[in-house]
Amino acid sequence: MVNTVQNNKHFSLAVDEQITSRLSDFCSHIGINQSSTVNIAINYFFDDPKLIHSLMDGYREMGNLNRELTHDFLACEADAEIHLAQYRNKFDN
């Protein structure tokens, strides 16, 4: 976990072991601390409008796909709920 404190705001970032190792190696090789490296990377990310738009488009597309999948399975969910209610009523009486 990398923690950054700037202007009295706290930010935590959870990364896996591979990224932690790469970050540590990079910082050692370049001679910069992890907090500064994370700030540079995050600022680069937010300063890249193509990347931001690509992510936004991806989230919109996934949202539409999730909506379609939910709609397609509503009948199955309703049928399962009916069977569960019948099953529960069988044991409640």
N, C-alpha and C. Protein backbone atom coordinates (compact mmCIF):
# COMPACT_ATOMS: atom_id res chain seq x y z
N MET A 1 0.85 -1.16 0.00
CA MET A 1 0.00 0.00 0.00
C MET A 1 0.90 1.23 0.00
N VAL A 2 0.56 2.17 -0.86
CA VAL A 2 1.29 3.41 -0.95
C VAL A 2 0.41 4.51 -0.37
N ASN A 3 0.94 5.27 0.55
CA ASN A 3 0.18 6.36 1.16
C ASN A 3 0.80 7.69 0.76
N THR A 4 -0.04 8.65 0.43
CA THR A 4 0.43 9.98 0.07
C THR A 4 -0.35 11.01 0.89
N VAL A 5 0.37 11.95 1.48
CA VAL A 5 -0.29 13.03 2.21
C VAL A 5 0.14 14.33 1.54
N GLN A 6 -0.86 15.09 1.09
CA GLN A 6 -0.56 16.36 0.43
C GLN A 6 -1.68 17.33 0.78
N ASN A 7 -1.31 18.50 1.23
CA ASN A 7 -2.30 19.52 1.63
C ASN A 7 -3.30 18.96 2.63
N ASN A 8 -2.80 18.22 3.60
CA ASN A 8 -3.61 17.63 4.67
C ASN A 8 -4.68 16.67 4.17
N LYS A 9 -4.54 16.13 2.98
CA LYS A 9 -5.45 15.12 2.46
C LYS A 9 -4.70 13.80 2.39
N HIS A 10 -5.37 12.73 2.74
CA HIS A 10 -4.74 11.42 2.77
C HIS A 10 -5.30 10.58 1.63
N PHE A 11 -4.42 9.91 0.92
CA PHE A 11 -4.81 9.07 -0.21
C PHE A 11 -4.11 7.74 -0.07
N SER A 12 -4.86 6.66 -0.16
CA SER A 12 -4.28 5.32 -0.10
C SER A 12 -4.53 4.61 -1.42
N LEU A 13 -3.54 3.86 -1.84
CA LEU A 13 -3.62 3.12 -3.09
C LEU A 13 -3.17 1.70 -2.81
N ALA A 14 -4.03 0.72 -3.05
CA ALA A 14 -3.68 -0.69 -2.85
C ALA A 14 -3.18 -1.25 -4.18
N VAL A 15 -2.00 -1.83 -4.16
CA VAL A 15 -1.42 -2.43 -5.37
C VAL A 15 -0.95 -3.83 -5.05
N ASP A 16 -0.85 -4.66 -6.08
CA ASP A 16 -0.42 -6.03 -5.85
C ASP A 16 1.09 -6.11 -5.68
N GLU A 17 1.57 -7.30 -5.36
CA GLU A 17 3.00 -7.49 -5.06
C GLU A 17 3.90 -7.16 -6.25
N GLN A 18 3.44 -7.49 -7.45
CA GLN A 18 4.24 -7.23 -8.65
C GLN A 18 4.43 -5.72 -8.85
N ILE A 19 3.36 -4.96 -8.70
CA ILE A 19 3.46 -3.50 -8.87
C ILE A 19 4.30 -2.90 -7.75
N THR A 20 4.14 -3.41 -6.54
CA THR A 20 4.94 -2.92 -5.42
C THR A 20 6.42 -3.13 -5.69
N SER A 21 6.76 -4.29 -6.22
CA SER A 21 8.16 -4.60 -6.54
C SER A 21 8.67 -3.70 -7.66
N ARG A 22 7.87 -3.52 -8.69
CA ARG A 22 8.28 -2.65 -9.80
C ARG A 22 8.45 -1.21 -9.33
N LEU A 23 7.53 -0.75 -8.49
CA LEU A 23 7.61 0.61 -7.96
C LEU A 23 8.87 0.79 -7.12
N SER A 24 9.15 -0.18 -6.27
CA SER A 24 10.35 -0.12 -5.43
C SER A 24 11.62 -0.11 -6.27
N ASP A 25 11.68 -1.00 -7.29
CA ASP A 25 12.85 -1.05 -8.18
C ASP A 25 13.02 0.27 -8.93
N PHE A 26 11.91 0.81 -9.44
CA PHE A 26 11.97 2.06 -10.18
C PHE A 26 12.48 3.19 -9.29
N CYS A 27 11.93 3.28 -8.08
CA CYS A 27 12.33 4.35 -7.16
C CYS A 27 13.81 4.23 -6.78
N SER A 28 14.26 3.02 -6.55
CA SER A 28 15.67 2.81 -6.21
C SER A 28 16.58 3.20 -7.38
N HIS A 29 16.17 2.80 -8.57
CA HIS A 29 16.98 3.06 -9.76
C HIS A 29 17.04 4.55 -10.09
N ILE A 30 15.92 5.24 -9.98
CA ILE A 30 15.85 6.66 -10.32
C ILE A 30 16.29 7.55 -9.17
N GLY A 31 16.13 7.06 -7.94
CA GLY A 31 16.49 7.86 -6.78
C GLY A 31 15.39 8.83 -6.37
N ILE A 32 14.16 8.38 -6.47
CA ILE A 32 13.01 9.22 -6.11
C ILE A 32 12.16 8.43 -5.12
N ASN A 33 11.47 9.11 -4.22
CA ASN A 33 10.66 8.37 -3.25
C ASN A 33 9.35 7.91 -3.87
N GLN A 34 8.72 6.91 -3.24
CA GLN A 34 7.51 6.32 -3.78
C GLN A 34 6.36 7.32 -3.86
N SER A 35 6.24 8.18 -2.88
CA SER A 35 5.16 9.16 -2.87
C SER A 35 5.25 10.07 -4.08
N SER A 36 6.44 10.55 -4.39
CA SER A 36 6.62 11.42 -5.57
C SER A 36 6.32 10.67 -6.85
N THR A 37 6.75 9.42 -6.91
CA THR A 37 6.51 8.60 -8.10
C THR A 37 5.01 8.40 -8.33
N VAL A 38 4.29 8.10 -7.26
CA VAL A 38 2.84 7.92 -7.37
C VAL A 38 2.17 9.22 -7.81
N ASN A 39 2.59 10.34 -7.25
CA ASN A 39 2.03 11.63 -7.65
C ASN A 39 2.26 11.90 -9.14
N ILE A 40 3.46 11.61 -9.62
CA ILE A 40 3.78 11.81 -11.04
C ILE A 40 2.88 10.93 -11.91
N ALA A 41 2.75 9.65 -11.52
CA ALA A 41 1.94 8.71 -12.31
C ALA A 41 0.47 9.13 -12.33
N ILE A 42 -0.07 9.52 -11.20
CA ILE A 42 -1.47 9.91 -11.13
C ILE A 42 -1.71 11.20 -11.91
N ASN A 43 -0.82 12.16 -11.78
CA ASN A 43 -0.96 13.40 -12.55
C ASN A 43 -0.89 13.13 -14.05
N TYR A 44 0.00 12.23 -14.46
CA TYR A 44 0.10 11.86 -15.88
C TYR A 44 -1.23 11.27 -16.35
N PHE A 45 -1.80 10.38 -15.53
CA PHE A 45 -3.06 9.75 -15.86
C PHE A 45 -4.15 10.79 -16.06
N PHE A 46 -4.29 11.71 -15.13
CA PHE A 46 -5.35 12.72 -15.22
C PHE A 46 -5.09 13.76 -16.30
N ASP A 47 -3.83 13.90 -16.72
CA ASP A 47 -3.50 14.88 -17.76
C ASP A 47 -3.62 14.30 -19.17
N ASP A 48 -4.00 13.02 -19.29
CA ASP A 48 -4.11 12.39 -20.59
C ASP A 48 -5.59 12.29 -20.98
N PRO A 49 -6.11 13.27 -21.72
CA PRO A 49 -7.54 13.29 -22.03
C PRO A 49 -7.98 12.07 -22.85
N LYS A 50 -7.12 11.54 -23.71
CA LYS A 50 -7.49 10.37 -24.50
C LYS A 50 -7.75 9.17 -23.58
N LEU A 51 -6.90 9.02 -22.58
CA LEU A 51 -7.06 7.91 -21.63
C LEU A 51 -8.34 8.09 -20.82
N ILE A 52 -8.59 9.28 -20.34
CA ILE A 52 -9.79 9.56 -19.56
C ILE A 52 -11.04 9.27 -20.39
N HIS A 53 -11.07 9.76 -21.64
CA HIS A 53 -12.22 9.53 -22.50
C HIS A 53 -12.39 8.05 -22.83
N SER A 54 -11.28 7.36 -23.03
CA SER A 54 -11.33 5.93 -23.30
C SER A 54 -11.94 5.17 -22.11
N LEU A 55 -11.52 5.53 -20.90
CA LEU A 55 -12.07 4.90 -19.71
C LEU A 55 -13.56 5.22 -19.56
N MET A 56 -13.92 6.46 -19.80
CA MET A 56 -15.33 6.85 -19.69
C MET A 56 -16.17 6.09 -20.71
N ASP A 57 -15.68 5.98 -21.93
CA ASP A 57 -16.41 5.22 -22.96
C ASP A 57 -16.55 3.76 -22.56
N GLY A 58 -15.49 3.20 -22.00
CA GLY A 58 -15.52 1.80 -21.55
C GLY A 58 -16.54 1.59 -20.44
N TYR A 59 -16.58 2.50 -19.49
CA TYR A 59 -17.57 2.39 -18.40
C TYR A 59 -18.99 2.53 -18.94
N ARG A 60 -19.20 3.43 -19.88
CA ARG A 60 -20.53 3.57 -20.48
C ARG A 60 -20.94 2.29 -21.21
N GLU A 61 -19.99 1.74 -21.98
CA GLU A 61 -20.27 0.53 -22.73
C GLU A 61 -20.59 -0.63 -21.78
N MET A 62 -19.81 -0.75 -20.71
CA MET A 62 -20.07 -1.82 -19.73
C MET A 62 -21.40 -1.58 -19.03
N GLY A 63 -21.74 -0.34 -18.76
CA GLY A 63 -23.03 -0.03 -18.15
C GLY A 63 -24.18 -0.48 -19.03
N ASN A 64 -24.06 -0.21 -20.33
CA ASN A 64 -25.10 -0.64 -21.26
C ASN A 64 -25.17 -2.16 -21.34
N LEU A 65 -24.01 -2.80 -21.38
CA LEU A 65 -23.97 -4.26 -21.41
C LEU A 65 -24.58 -4.86 -20.15
N ASN A 66 -24.25 -4.30 -19.00
CA ASN A 66 -24.83 -4.78 -17.74
C ASN A 66 -26.34 -4.59 -17.73
N ARG A 67 -26.82 -3.47 -18.25
CA ARG A 67 -28.25 -3.22 -18.32
C ARG A 67 -28.93 -4.27 -19.20
N GLU A 68 -28.32 -4.59 -20.35
CA GLU A 68 -28.88 -5.61 -21.24
C GLU A 68 -28.90 -6.98 -20.58
N LEU A 69 -27.80 -7.33 -19.92
CA LEU A 69 -27.74 -8.63 -19.24
C LEU A 69 -28.78 -8.73 -18.13
N THR A 70 -28.92 -7.66 -17.37
CA THR A 70 -29.92 -7.65 -16.30
C THR A 70 -31.30 -7.84 -16.88
N HIS A 71 -31.60 -7.13 -17.95
CA HIS A 71 -32.91 -7.24 -18.59
C HIS A 71 -33.14 -8.68 -19.09
N ASP A 72 -32.12 -9.29 -19.70
CA ASP A 72 -32.25 -10.64 -20.24
C ASP A 72 -32.52 -11.68 -19.16
N PHE A 73 -32.03 -11.46 -17.95
CA PHE A 73 -32.17 -12.45 -16.90
C PHE A 73 -33.29 -12.13 -15.89
N LEU A 74 -34.05 -11.07 -16.12
CA LEU A 74 -35.13 -10.73 -15.20
C LEU A 74 -36.16 -11.86 -15.09
N ALA A 75 -36.52 -12.47 -16.22
CA ALA A 75 -37.50 -13.55 -16.19
C ALA A 75 -36.98 -14.74 -15.37
N CYS A 76 -35.69 -15.05 -15.52
CA CYS A 76 -35.09 -16.15 -14.74
C CYS A 76 -35.12 -15.83 -13.25
N GLU A 77 -34.80 -14.61 -12.92
CA GLU A 77 -34.80 -14.19 -11.51
C GLU A 77 -36.20 -14.26 -10.92
N ALA A 78 -37.18 -13.82 -11.69
CA ALA A 78 -38.57 -13.85 -11.21
C ALA A 78 -39.02 -15.29 -11.01
N ASP A 79 -38.67 -16.17 -11.95
CA ASP A 79 -39.03 -17.58 -11.84
C ASP A 79 -38.36 -18.22 -10.63
N ALA A 80 -37.10 -17.91 -10.42
CA ALA A 80 -36.38 -18.45 -9.26
C ALA A 80 -37.01 -17.96 -7.97
N GLU A 81 -37.43 -16.71 -7.93
CA GLU A 81 -38.05 -16.16 -6.73
C GLU A 81 -39.37 -16.87 -6.43
N ILE A 82 -40.15 -17.18 -7.47
CA ILE A 82 -41.40 -17.92 -7.28
C ILE A 82 -41.12 -19.29 -6.67
N HIS A 83 -40.13 -19.99 -7.21
CA HIS A 83 -39.79 -21.32 -6.70
C HIS A 83 -39.26 -21.25 -5.26
N LEU A 84 -38.48 -20.25 -4.98
CA LEU A 84 -37.98 -20.09 -3.60
C LEU A 84 -39.12 -19.79 -2.63
N ALA A 85 -40.05 -18.96 -3.05
CA ALA A 85 -41.20 -18.64 -2.19
C ALA A 85 -42.03 -19.90 -1.93
N GLN A 86 -42.24 -20.71 -2.97
CA GLN A 86 -42.97 -21.97 -2.80
C GLN A 86 -42.22 -22.90 -1.84
N TYR A 87 -40.95 -22.98 -1.99
CA TYR A 87 -40.11 -23.83 -1.13
C TYR A 87 -40.19 -23.37 0.32
N ARG A 88 -40.09 -22.05 0.53
CA ARG A 88 -40.16 -21.51 1.88
C ARG A 88 -41.52 -21.75 2.51
N ASN A 89 -42.58 -21.54 1.72
CA ASN A 89 -43.94 -21.76 2.22
C ASN A 89 -44.17 -23.21 2.60
N LYS A 90 -43.56 -24.11 1.90
CA LYS A 90 -43.70 -25.54 2.18
C LYS A 90 -43.20 -25.86 3.58
N PHE A 91 -42.10 -25.22 3.98
CA PHE A 91 -41.50 -25.51 5.29
C PHE A 91 -42.05 -24.61 6.40
N ASP A 92 -42.66 -23.49 6.03
CA ASP A 92 -43.23 -22.60 7.05
C ASP A 92 -44.56 -23.12 7.57
N ASN A 93 -45.26 -23.89 6.76
CA ASN A 93 -46.59 -24.38 7.17
C ASN A 93 -46.52 -25.69 7.86
